[in-house]
Structure formats: structure tokens, C-alpha cells
Amino acid sequence: MHLMRAHKVCLNQAYKHIKDVRPFIHPNEGFMHQMAMFEIETFGWTSVGGPKAGKMWDFYQWNSERKGHPRGGDEGALLGRGIMETCAIL
């Protein structure tokens, strides 16, 4: 959530970055839902609302809400470890 707010990084790329640095993380569905809703509140769209988001974003609470929100993700970027990755729409 810090990366989304302070650095304008979409959830998709923020999660991938944290998972690369700390591969043992396994947030529960409640926290994942909070992160997804925070992204929508912050940017007005979701980067984890499409079919390519993967199994981890396929849970009841998020599935029931994601369809009503636009998909996005090209606006954010992640600057870390000397590389720049643009947010992919999933």
C-alpha cells in the first residue's frame, strides 16, 4: 500500500516487487481485498481485475466487486534496484 500511495505504483507491480524481495509472503484474502480496494480508491482503476491476474486474485470477495471497476495500470511505474517496470494490465 505504501508503494501505491507514496510512489504511484499499481498493485500488480507493487505485489510483484515485494514478492521478489520477500518470496515467502502469503497475504490472506482479506488483506488482498483491502489492497485491491485501496488501489481503486487511489487510482480509480484496478490492475488485478482481469483474467490474467492469476489464481491468487480469484477469490469470492474480490470477484464480486472487481467487475464494477475499470481496469488500468499503465499510469504507474516502479523504480527499484536500478530498473523501471511499467504496470501491466492483468
PDB file of N, CA and C in Angstrom:
ATOM      1  N   MET A   1       0.831  -1.183   0.000  1.00  0.00           N
ATOM      2  CA  MET A   1       0.000   0.000   0.000  1.00  0.00           C
ATOM      3  C   MET A   1       0.877   1.249   0.000  1.00  0.00           C
ATOM      4  N   HIS A   2       2.015   1.160   0.682  1.00  0.00           N
ATOM      5  CA  HIS A   2       2.937   2.297   0.699  1.00  0.00           C
ATOM      6  C   HIS A   2       3.433   2.605  -0.710  1.00  0.00           C
ATOM      7  N   LEU A   3       3.803   1.579  -1.471  1.00  0.00           N
ATOM      8  CA  LEU A   3       4.274   1.809  -2.832  1.00  0.00           C
ATOM      9  C   LEU A   3       3.196   2.455  -3.693  1.00  0.00           C
ATOM     10  N   MET A   4       1.945   2.042  -3.498  1.00  0.00           N
ATOM     11  CA  MET A   4       0.855   2.627  -4.278  1.00  0.00           C
ATOM     12  C   MET A   4       0.666   4.099  -3.923  1.00  0.00           C
ATOM     13  N   ARG A   5       0.648   4.398  -2.632  1.00  0.00           N
ATOM     14  CA  ARG A   5       0.378   5.769  -2.202  1.00  0.00           C
ATOM     15  C   ARG A   5       1.565   6.696  -2.445  1.00  0.00           C
ATOM     16  N   ALA A   6       2.715   6.336  -1.947  1.00  0.00           N
ATOM     17  CA  ALA A   6       3.861   7.242  -1.976  1.00  0.00           C
ATOM     18  C   ALA A   6       4.579   7.287  -3.329  1.00  0.00           C
ATOM     19  N   HIS A   7       4.576   6.162  -4.050  1.00  0.00           N
ATOM     20  CA  HIS A   7       5.352   6.082  -5.284  1.00  0.00           C
ATOM     21  C   HIS A   7       4.496   5.898  -6.532  1.00  0.00           C
ATOM     22  N   LYS A   8       3.173   5.914  -6.370  1.00  0.00           N
ATOM     23  CA  LYS A   8       2.235   5.799  -7.504  1.00  0.00           C
ATOM     24  C   LYS A   8       2.470   4.534  -8.316  1.00  0.00           C
ATOM     25  N   VAL A   9       2.705   3.418  -7.632  1.00  0.00           N
ATOM     26  CA  VAL A   9       2.913   2.123  -8.274  1.00  0.00           C
ATOM     27  C   VAL A   9       1.611   1.333  -8.201  1.00  0.00           C
ATOM     28  N   CYS A  10       1.208   0.724  -9.301  1.00  0.00           N
ATOM     29  CA  CYS A  10      -0.020  -0.058  -9.286  1.00  0.00           C
ATOM     30  C   CYS A  10       0.161  -1.314  -8.435  1.00  0.00           C
ATOM     31  N   LEU A  11      -0.937  -1.887  -7.987  1.00  0.00           N
ATOM     32  CA  LEU A  11      -0.918  -3.061  -7.118  1.00  0.00           C
ATOM     33  C   LEU A  11      -0.199  -4.237  -7.768  1.00  0.00           C
ATOM     34  N   ASN A  12      -0.442  -4.463  -9.037  1.00  0.00           N
ATOM     35  CA  ASN A  12       0.182  -5.574  -9.740  1.00  0.00           C
ATOM     36  C   ASN A  12       1.706  -5.508  -9.609  1.00  0.00           C
ATOM     37  N   GLN A  13       2.306  -4.376  -9.916  1.00  0.00           N
ATOM     38  CA  GLN A  13       3.760  -4.244  -9.865  1.00  0.00           C
ATOM     39  C   GLN A  13       4.269  -4.161  -8.426  1.00  0.00           C
ATOM     40  N   ALA A  14       3.535  -3.530  -7.543  1.00  0.00           N
ATOM     41  CA  ALA A  14       3.949  -3.462  -6.139  1.00  0.00           C
ATOM     42  C   ALA A  14       3.992  -4.865  -5.543  1.00  0.00           C
ATOM     43  N   TYR A  15       2.984  -5.671  -5.810  1.00  0.00           N
ATOM     44  CA  TYR A  15       2.957  -7.028  -5.289  1.00  0.00           C
ATOM     45  C   TYR A  15       4.112  -7.855  -5.861  1.00  0.00           C
ATOM     46  N   LYS A  16       4.341  -7.747  -7.174  1.00  0.00           N
ATOM     47  CA  LYS A  16       5.435  -8.497  -7.799  1.00  0.00           C
ATOM     48  C   LYS A  16       6.782  -8.096  -7.195  1.00  0.00           C
ATOM     49  N   HIS A  17       6.975  -6.810  -6.943  1.00  0.00           N
ATOM     50  CA  HIS A  17       8.228  -6.333  -6.365  1.00  0.00           C
ATOM     51  C   HIS A  17       8.425  -6.900  -4.960  1.00  0.00           C
ATOM     52  N   ILE A  18       7.405  -6.814  -4.132  1.00  0.00           N
ATOM     53  CA  ILE A  18       7.513  -7.323  -2.765  1.00  0.00           C
ATOM     54  C   ILE A  18       7.726  -8.838  -2.784  1.00  0.00           C
ATOM     55  N   LYS A  19       7.039  -9.537  -3.672  1.00  0.00           N
ATOM     56  CA  LYS A  19       7.184 -10.992  -3.767  1.00  0.00           C
ATOM     57  C   LYS A  19       8.603 -11.368  -4.209  1.00  0.00           C
ATOM     58  N   ASP A  20       9.209 -10.566  -5.085  1.00  0.00           N
ATOM     59  CA  ASP A  20      10.592 -10.816  -5.500  1.00  0.00           C
ATOM     60  C   ASP A  20      11.561 -10.647  -4.329  1.00  0.00           C
ATOM     61  N   VAL A  21      11.313  -9.623  -3.519  1.00  0.00           N
ATOM     62  CA  VAL A  21      12.200  -9.329  -2.396  1.00  0.00           C
ATOM     63  C   VAL A  21      11.961 -10.281  -1.222  1.00  0.00           C
ATOM     64  N   ARG A  22      10.697 -10.623  -0.987  1.00  0.00           N
ATOM     65  CA  ARG A  22      10.323 -11.495   0.134  1.00  0.00           C
ATOM     66  C   ARG A  22       9.412 -12.606  -0.394  1.00  0.00           C
ATOM     67  N   PRO A  23       9.969 -13.627  -1.027  1.00  0.00           N
ATOM     68  CA  PRO A  23       9.170 -14.650  -1.713  1.00  0.00           C
ATOM     69  C   PRO A  23       8.267 -15.486  -0.811  1.00  0.00           C
ATOM     70  N   PHE A  24       8.469 -15.420   0.479  1.00  0.00           N
ATOM     71  CA  PHE A  24       7.662 -16.225   1.403  1.00  0.00           C
ATOM     72  C   PHE A  24       6.354 -15.556   1.808  1.00  0.00           C
ATOM     73  N   ILE A  25       6.070 -14.359   1.323  1.00  0.00           N
ATOM     74  CA  ILE A  25       4.818 -13.690   1.722  1.00  0.00           C
ATOM     75  C   ILE A  25       3.609 -14.427   1.160  1.00  0.00           C
ATOM     76  N   HIS A  26       2.540 -14.472   1.941  1.00  0.00           N
ATOM     77  CA  HIS A  26       1.272 -15.069   1.521  1.00  0.00           C
ATOM     78  C   HIS A  26       0.140 -14.300   2.196  1.00  0.00           C
ATOM     79  N   PRO A  27      -0.214 -13.106   1.657  1.00  0.00           N
ATOM     80  CA  PRO A  27      -1.289 -12.345   2.299  1.00  0.00           C
ATOM     81  C   PRO A  27      -2.611 -13.100   2.218  1.00  0.00           C
ATOM     82  N   ASN A  28      -3.429 -12.946   3.258  1.00  0.00           N
ATOM     83  CA  ASN A  28      -4.729 -13.617   3.236  1.00  0.00           C
ATOM     84  C   ASN A  28      -5.700 -12.843   2.340  1.00  0.00           C
ATOM     85  N   GLU A  29      -6.820 -13.464   2.032  1.00  0.00           N
ATOM     86  CA  GLU A  29      -7.788 -12.871   1.108  1.00  0.00           C
ATOM     87  C   GLU A  29      -8.322 -11.531   1.608  1.00  0.00           C
ATOM     88  N   GLY A  30      -8.499 -11.394   2.909  1.00  0.00           N
ATOM     89  CA  GLY A  30      -8.996 -10.136   3.461  1.00  0.00           C
ATOM     90  C   GLY A  30      -8.046  -8.987   3.180  1.00  0.00           C
ATOM     91  N   PHE A  31      -6.744  -9.216   3.375  1.00  0.00           N
ATOM     92  CA  PHE A  31      -5.760  -8.167   3.114  1.00  0.00           C
ATOM     93  C   PHE A  31      -5.626  -7.910   1.620  1.00  0.00           C
ATOM     94  N   MET A  32      -5.692  -8.964   0.801  1.00  0.00           N
ATOM     95  CA  MET A  32      -5.626  -8.780  -0.647  1.00  0.00           C
ATOM     96  C   MET A  32      -6.808  -7.941  -1.131  1.00  0.00           C
ATOM     97  N   HIS A  33      -7.967  -8.183  -0.553  1.00  0.00           N
ATOM     98  CA  HIS A  33      -9.149  -7.394  -0.902  1.00  0.00           C
ATOM     99  C   HIS A  33      -8.946  -5.933  -0.507  1.00  0.00           C
ATOM    100  N   GLN A  34      -8.394  -5.708   0.678  1.00  0.00           N
ATOM    101  CA  GLN A  34      -8.119  -4.335   1.117  1.00  0.00           C
ATOM    102  C   GLN A  34      -7.141  -3.640   0.168  1.00  0.00           C
ATOM    103  N   MET A  35      -6.102  -4.362  -0.265  1.00  0.00           N
ATOM    104  CA  MET A  35      -5.135  -3.772  -1.198  1.00  0.00           C
ATOM    105  C   MET A  35      -5.801  -3.428  -2.526  1.00  0.00           C
ATOM    106  N   ALA A  36      -6.646  -4.317  -3.024  1.00  0.00           N
ATOM    107  CA  ALA A  36      -7.325  -4.074  -4.298  1.00  0.00           C
ATOM    108  C   ALA A  36      -8.267  -2.872  -4.193  1.00  0.00           C
ATOM    109  N   MET A  37      -8.989  -2.771  -3.097  1.00  0.00           N
ATOM    110  CA  MET A  37      -9.898  -1.638  -2.918  1.00  0.00           C
ATOM    111  C   MET A  37      -9.115  -0.340  -2.719  1.00  0.00           C
ATOM    112  N   PHE A  38      -7.975  -0.414  -2.043  1.00  0.00           N
ATOM    113  CA  PHE A  38      -7.123   0.761  -1.868  1.00  0.00           C
ATOM    114  C   PHE A  38      -6.620   1.258  -3.221  1.00  0.00           C
ATOM    115  N   GLU A  39      -6.246   0.334  -4.107  1.00  0.00           N
ATOM    116  CA  GLU A  39      -5.801   0.725  -5.445  1.00  0.00           C
ATOM    117  C   GLU A  39      -6.920   1.451  -6.189  1.00  0.00           C
ATOM    118  N   ILE A  40      -8.139   0.953  -6.083  1.00  0.00           N
ATOM    119  CA  ILE A  40      -9.273   1.588  -6.752  1.00  0.00           C
ATOM    120  C   ILE A  40      -9.521   2.978  -6.165  1.00  0.00           C
ATOM    121  N   GLU A  41      -9.459   3.096  -4.845  1.00  0.00           N
ATOM    122  CA  GLU A  41      -9.653   4.405  -4.203  1.00  0.00           C
ATOM    123  C   GLU A  41      -8.545   5.380  -4.588  1.00  0.00           C
ATOM    124  N   THR A  42      -7.330   4.879  -4.728  1.00  0.00           N
ATOM    125  CA  THR A  42      -6.177   5.724  -5.017  1.00  0.00           C
ATOM    126  C   THR A  42      -6.105   6.137  -6.481  1.00  0.00           C
ATOM    127  N   PHE A  43      -6.297   5.176  -7.404  1.00  0.00           N
ATOM    128  CA  PHE A  43      -6.116   5.438  -8.827  1.00  0.00           C
ATOM    129  C   PHE A  43      -7.410   5.507  -9.629  1.00  0.00           C
ATOM    130  N   GLY A  44      -8.482   4.912  -9.108  1.00  0.00           N
ATOM    131  CA  GLY A  44      -9.739   4.890  -9.845  1.00  0.00           C
ATOM    132  C   GLY A  44      -9.872   3.698 -10.777  1.00  0.00           C
ATOM    133  N   TRP A  45      -8.935   2.762 -10.732  1.00  0.00           N
ATOM    134  CA  TRP A  45      -8.957   1.559 -11.556  1.00  0.00           C
ATOM    135  C   TRP A  45      -8.219   0.450 -10.825  1.00  0.00           C
ATOM    136  N   THR A  46      -8.292  -0.765 -11.381  1.00  0.00           N
ATOM    137  CA  THR A  46      -7.596  -1.904 -10.799  1.00  0.00           C
ATOM    138  C   THR A  46      -6.662  -2.544 -11.815  1.00  0.00           C
ATOM    139  N   SER A  47      -5.475  -2.929 -11.356  1.00  0.00           N
ATOM    140  CA  SER A  47      -4.518  -3.613 -12.221  1.00  0.00           C
ATOM    141  C   SER A  47      -4.583  -5.125 -12.029  1.00  0.00           C
ATOM    142  N   VAL A  48      -5.444  -5.599 -11.129  1.00  0.00           N
ATOM    143  CA  VAL A  48      -5.557  -7.035 -10.853  1.00  0.00           C
ATOM    144  C   VAL A  48      -6.989  -7.533 -11.054  1.00  0.00           C
ATOM    145  N   GLY A  49      -7.724  -6.901 -11.950  1.00  0.00           N
ATOM    146  CA  GLY A  49      -9.116  -7.263 -12.146  1.00  0.00           C
ATOM    147  C   GLY A  49      -9.391  -8.136 -13.344  1.00  0.00           C
ATOM    148  N   GLY A  50      -8.388  -8.412 -14.152  1.00  0.00           N
ATOM    149  CA  GLY A  50      -8.601  -9.195 -15.361  1.00  0.00           C
ATOM    150  C   GLY A  50      -8.309 -10.671 -15.182  1.00  0.00           C
ATOM    151  N   PRO A  51      -8.590 -11.451 -16.216  1.00  0.00           N
ATOM    152  CA  PRO A  51      -8.414 -12.901 -16.133  1.00  0.00           C
ATOM    153  C   PRO A  51      -6.953 -13.333 -16.012  1.00  0.00           C
ATOM    154  N   LYS A  52      -6.007 -12.508 -16.420  1.00  0.00           N
ATOM    155  CA  LYS A  52      -4.593 -12.878 -16.358  1.00  0.00           C
ATOM    156  C   LYS A  52      -3.973 -12.572 -14.995  1.00  0.00           C
ATOM    157  N   ALA A  53      -4.742 -12.079 -14.067  1.00  0.00           N
ATOM    158  CA  ALA A  53      -4.209 -11.732 -12.746  1.00  0.00           C
ATOM    159  C   ALA A  53      -3.755 -12.964 -11.982  1.00  0.00           C
ATOM    160  N   GLY A  54      -4.257 -14.113 -12.338  1.00  0.00           N
ATOM    161  CA  GLY A  54      -3.824 -15.355 -11.713  1.00  0.00           C
ATOM    162  C   GLY A  54      -4.773 -15.843 -10.640  1.00  0.00           C
ATOM    163  N   LYS A  55      -4.512 -17.070 -10.207  1.00  0.00           N
ATOM    164  CA  LYS A  55      -5.364 -17.728  -9.207  1.00  0.00           C
ATOM    165  C   LYS A  55      -5.429 -16.971  -7.896  1.00  0.00           C
ATOM    166  N   MET A  56      -4.319 -16.337  -7.523  1.00  0.00           N
ATOM    167  CA  MET A  56      -4.303 -15.670  -6.228  1.00  0.00           C
ATOM    168  C   MET A  56      -5.328 -14.538  -6.136  1.00  0.00           C
ATOM    169  N   TRP A  57      -5.709 -13.941  -7.278  1.00  0.00           N
ATOM    170  CA  TRP A  57      -6.701 -12.874  -7.277  1.00  0.00           C
ATOM    171  C   TRP A  57      -8.091 -13.407  -7.622  1.00  0.00           C
ATOM    172  N   ASP A  58      -8.268 -14.700  -7.538  1.00  0.00           N
ATOM    173  CA  ASP A  58      -9.552 -15.331  -7.828  1.00  0.00           C
ATOM    174  C   ASP A  58     -10.162 -15.842  -6.519  1.00  0.00           C
ATOM    175  N   PHE A  59     -10.799 -14.937  -5.801  1.00  0.00           N
ATOM    176  CA  PHE A  59     -11.485 -15.322  -4.566  1.00  0.00           C
ATOM    177  C   PHE A  59     -12.786 -14.544  -4.477  1.00  0.00           C
ATOM    178  N   TYR A  60     -13.743 -15.094  -3.761  1.00  0.00           N
ATOM    179  CA  TYR A  60     -15.130 -14.634  -3.790  1.00  0.00           C
ATOM    180  C   TYR A  60     -15.294 -13.137  -3.536  1.00  0.00           C
ATOM    181  N   GLN A  61     -14.736 -12.642  -2.466  1.00  0.00           N
ATOM    182  CA  GLN A  61     -14.966 -11.241  -2.099  1.00  0.00           C
ATOM    183  C   GLN A  61     -14.488 -10.290  -3.199  1.00  0.00           C
ATOM    184  N   TRP A  62     -13.325 -10.560  -3.790  1.00  0.00           N
ATOM    185  CA  TRP A  62     -12.805  -9.704  -4.847  1.00  0.00           C
ATOM    186  C   TRP A  62     -13.572  -9.931  -6.147  1.00  0.00           C
ATOM    187  N   ASN A  63     -13.919 -11.165  -6.465  1.00  0.00           N
ATOM    188  CA  ASN A  63     -14.667 -11.448  -7.691  1.00  0.00           C
ATOM    189  C   ASN A  63     -16.002 -10.731  -7.716  1.00  0.00           C
ATOM    190  N   SER A  64     -16.639 -10.603  -6.558  1.00  0.00           N
ATOM    191  CA  SER A  64     -17.952  -9.959  -6.509  1.00  0.00           C
ATOM    192  C   SER A  64     -17.868  -8.450  -6.685  1.00  0.00           C
ATOM    193  N   GLU A  65     -16.689  -7.849  -6.512  1.00  0.00           N
ATOM    194  CA  GLU A  65     -16.557  -6.392  -6.614  1.00  0.00           C
ATOM    195  C   GLU A  65     -15.765  -5.920  -7.823  1.00  0.00           C
ATOM    196  N   ARG A  66     -14.844  -6.701  -8.325  1.00  0.00           N
ATOM    197  CA  ARG A  66     -13.927  -6.207  -9.350  1.00  0.00           C
ATOM    198  C   ARG A  66     -14.594  -5.879 -10.674  1.00  0.00           C
ATOM    199  N   LYS A  67     -15.689  -6.543 -10.976  1.00  0.00           N
ATOM    200  CA  LYS A  67     -16.339  -6.336 -12.268  1.00  0.00           C
ATOM    201  C   LYS A  67     -16.906  -4.934 -12.427  1.00  0.00           C
ATOM    202  N   GLY A  68     -17.181  -4.261 -11.334  1.00  0.00           N
ATOM    203  CA  GLY A  68     -17.750  -2.919 -11.411  1.00  0.00           C
ATOM    204  C   GLY A  68     -16.727  -1.813 -11.517  1.00  0.00           C
ATOM    205  N   HIS A  69     -15.445  -2.166 -11.637  1.00  0.00           N
ATOM    206  CA  HIS A  69     -14.398  -1.151 -11.667  1.00  0.00           C
ATOM    207  C   HIS A  69     -13.574  -1.264 -12.942  1.00  0.00           C
ATOM    208  N   PRO A  70     -13.142  -0.120 -13.488  1.00  0.00           N
ATOM    209  CA  PRO A  70     -12.337  -0.161 -14.708  1.00  0.00           C
ATOM    210  C   PRO A  70     -10.957  -0.761 -14.459  1.00  0.00           C
ATOM    211  N   ARG A  71     -10.421  -1.378 -15.501  1.00  0.00           N
ATOM    212  CA  ARG A  71      -9.067  -1.903 -15.424  1.00  0.00           C
ATOM    213  C   ARG A  71      -8.098  -0.834 -15.892  1.00  0.00           C
ATOM    214  N   GLY A  72      -6.929  -0.847 -15.335  1.00  0.00           N
ATOM    215  CA  GLY A  72      -5.895   0.112 -15.712  1.00  0.00           C
ATOM    216  C   GLY A  72      -4.555  -0.386 -15.249  1.00  0.00           C
ATOM    217  N   GLY A  73      -3.573   0.474 -15.326  1.00  0.00           N
ATOM    218  CA  GLY A  73      -2.273   0.093 -14.824  1.00  0.00           C
ATOM    219  C   GLY A  73      -1.120   0.731 -15.557  1.00  0.00           C
ATOM    220  N   ASP A  74      -1.351   1.294 -16.714  1.00  0.00           N
ATOM    221  CA  ASP A  74      -0.254   1.883 -17.474  1.00  0.00           C
ATOM    222  C   ASP A  74       0.288   3.156 -16.838  1.00  0.00           C
ATOM    223  N   GLU A  75      -0.461   3.777 -15.952  1.00  0.00           N
ATOM    224  CA  GLU A  75      -0.051   5.045 -15.380  1.00  0.00           C
ATOM    225  C   GLU A  75       1.047   4.908 -14.338  1.00  0.00           C
ATOM    226  N   GLY A  76       1.148   3.768 -13.674  1.00  0.00           N
ATOM    227  CA  GLY A  76       2.111   3.607 -12.594  1.00  0.00           C
ATOM    228  C   GLY A  76       3.439   3.072 -13.081  1.00  0.00           C
ATOM    229  N   ALA A  77       4.469   3.272 -12.305  1.00  0.00           N
ATOM    230  CA  ALA A  77       5.784   2.724 -12.622  1.00  0.00           C
ATOM    231  C   ALA A  77       6.492   2.402 -11.326  1.00  0.00           C
ATOM    232  N   LEU A  78       7.359   1.438 -11.390  1.00  0.00           N
ATOM    233  CA  LEU A  78       8.111   1.031 -10.216  1.00  0.00           C
ATOM    234  C   LEU A  78       9.588   1.286 -10.473  1.00  0.00           C
ATOM    235  N   LEU A  79      10.178   2.121  -9.642  1.00  0.00           N
ATOM    236  CA  LEU A  79      11.614   2.372  -9.724  1.00  0.00           C
ATOM    237  C   LEU A  79      12.264   1.623  -8.579  1.00  0.00           C
ATOM    238  N   GLY A  80      13.018   0.627  -8.877  1.00  0.00           N
ATOM    239  CA  GLY A  80      13.642  -0.139  -7.820  1.00  0.00           C
ATOM    240  C   GLY A  80      14.807  -0.957  -8.339  1.00  0.00           C
ATOM    241  N   ARG A  81      15.815  -1.069  -7.576  1.00  0.00           N
ATOM    242  CA  ARG A  81      17.015  -1.833  -7.898  1.00  0.00           C
ATOM    243  C   ARG A  81      17.562  -1.434  -9.261  1.00  0.00           C
ATOM    244  N   GLY A  82      17.426  -0.145  -9.608  1.00  0.00           N
ATOM    245  CA  GLY A  82      18.014   0.359 -10.838  1.00  0.00           C
ATOM    246  C   GLY A  82      17.239   0.055 -12.104  1.00  0.00           C
ATOM    247  N   ILE A  83      16.043  -0.492 -11.992  1.00  0.00           N
ATOM    248  CA  ILE A  83      15.257  -0.796 -13.182  1.00  0.00           C
ATOM    249  C   ILE A  83      13.906  -0.098 -13.100  1.00  0.00           C
ATOM    250  N   MET A  84      13.278   0.072 -14.221  1.00  0.00           N
ATOM    251  CA  MET A  84      11.946   0.677 -14.274  1.00  0.00           C
ATOM    252  C   MET A  84      11.015  -0.298 -14.954  1.00  0.00           C
ATOM    253  N   GLU A  85       9.920  -0.631 -14.288  1.00  0.00           N
ATOM    254  CA  GLU A  85       8.927  -1.536 -14.855  1.00  0.00           C
ATOM    255  C   GLU A  85       7.600  -0.788 -14.909  1.00  0.00           C
ATOM    256  N   THR A  86       6.948  -0.816 -16.020  1.00  0.00           N
ATOM    257  CA  THR A  86       5.631  -0.199 -16.086  1.00  0.00           C
ATOM    258  C   THR A  86       4.606  -1.190 -15.598  1.00  0.00           C
ATOM    259  N   CYS A  87       3.508  -0.694 -15.128  1.00  0.00           N
ATOM    260  CA  CYS A  87       2.454  -1.566 -14.618  1.00  0.00           C
ATOM    261  C   CYS A  87       1.736  -2.238 -15.778  1.00  0.00           C
ATOM    262  N   ALA A  88       1.597  -3.510 -15.677  1.00  0.00           N
ATOM    263  CA  ALA A  88       0.899  -4.278 -16.702  1.00  0.00           C
ATOM    264  C   ALA A  88      -0.564  -4.421 -16.305  1.00  0.00           C
ATOM    265  N   ILE A  89      -1.431  -4.427 -17.276  1.00  0.00           N
ATOM    266  CA  ILE A  89      -2.854  -4.630 -17.020  1.00  0.00           C
ATOM    267  C   ILE A  89      -3.126  -6.116 -17.036  1.00  0.00           C
ATOM    268  N   LEU A  90      -3.628  -6.635 -15.915  1.00  0.00           N
ATOM    269  CA  LEU A  90      -3.927  -8.059 -15.828  1.00  0.00           C
ATOM    270  C   LEU A  90      -5.392  -8.297 -15.654  1.00  0.00           C
TER     271      LEU A  90
END
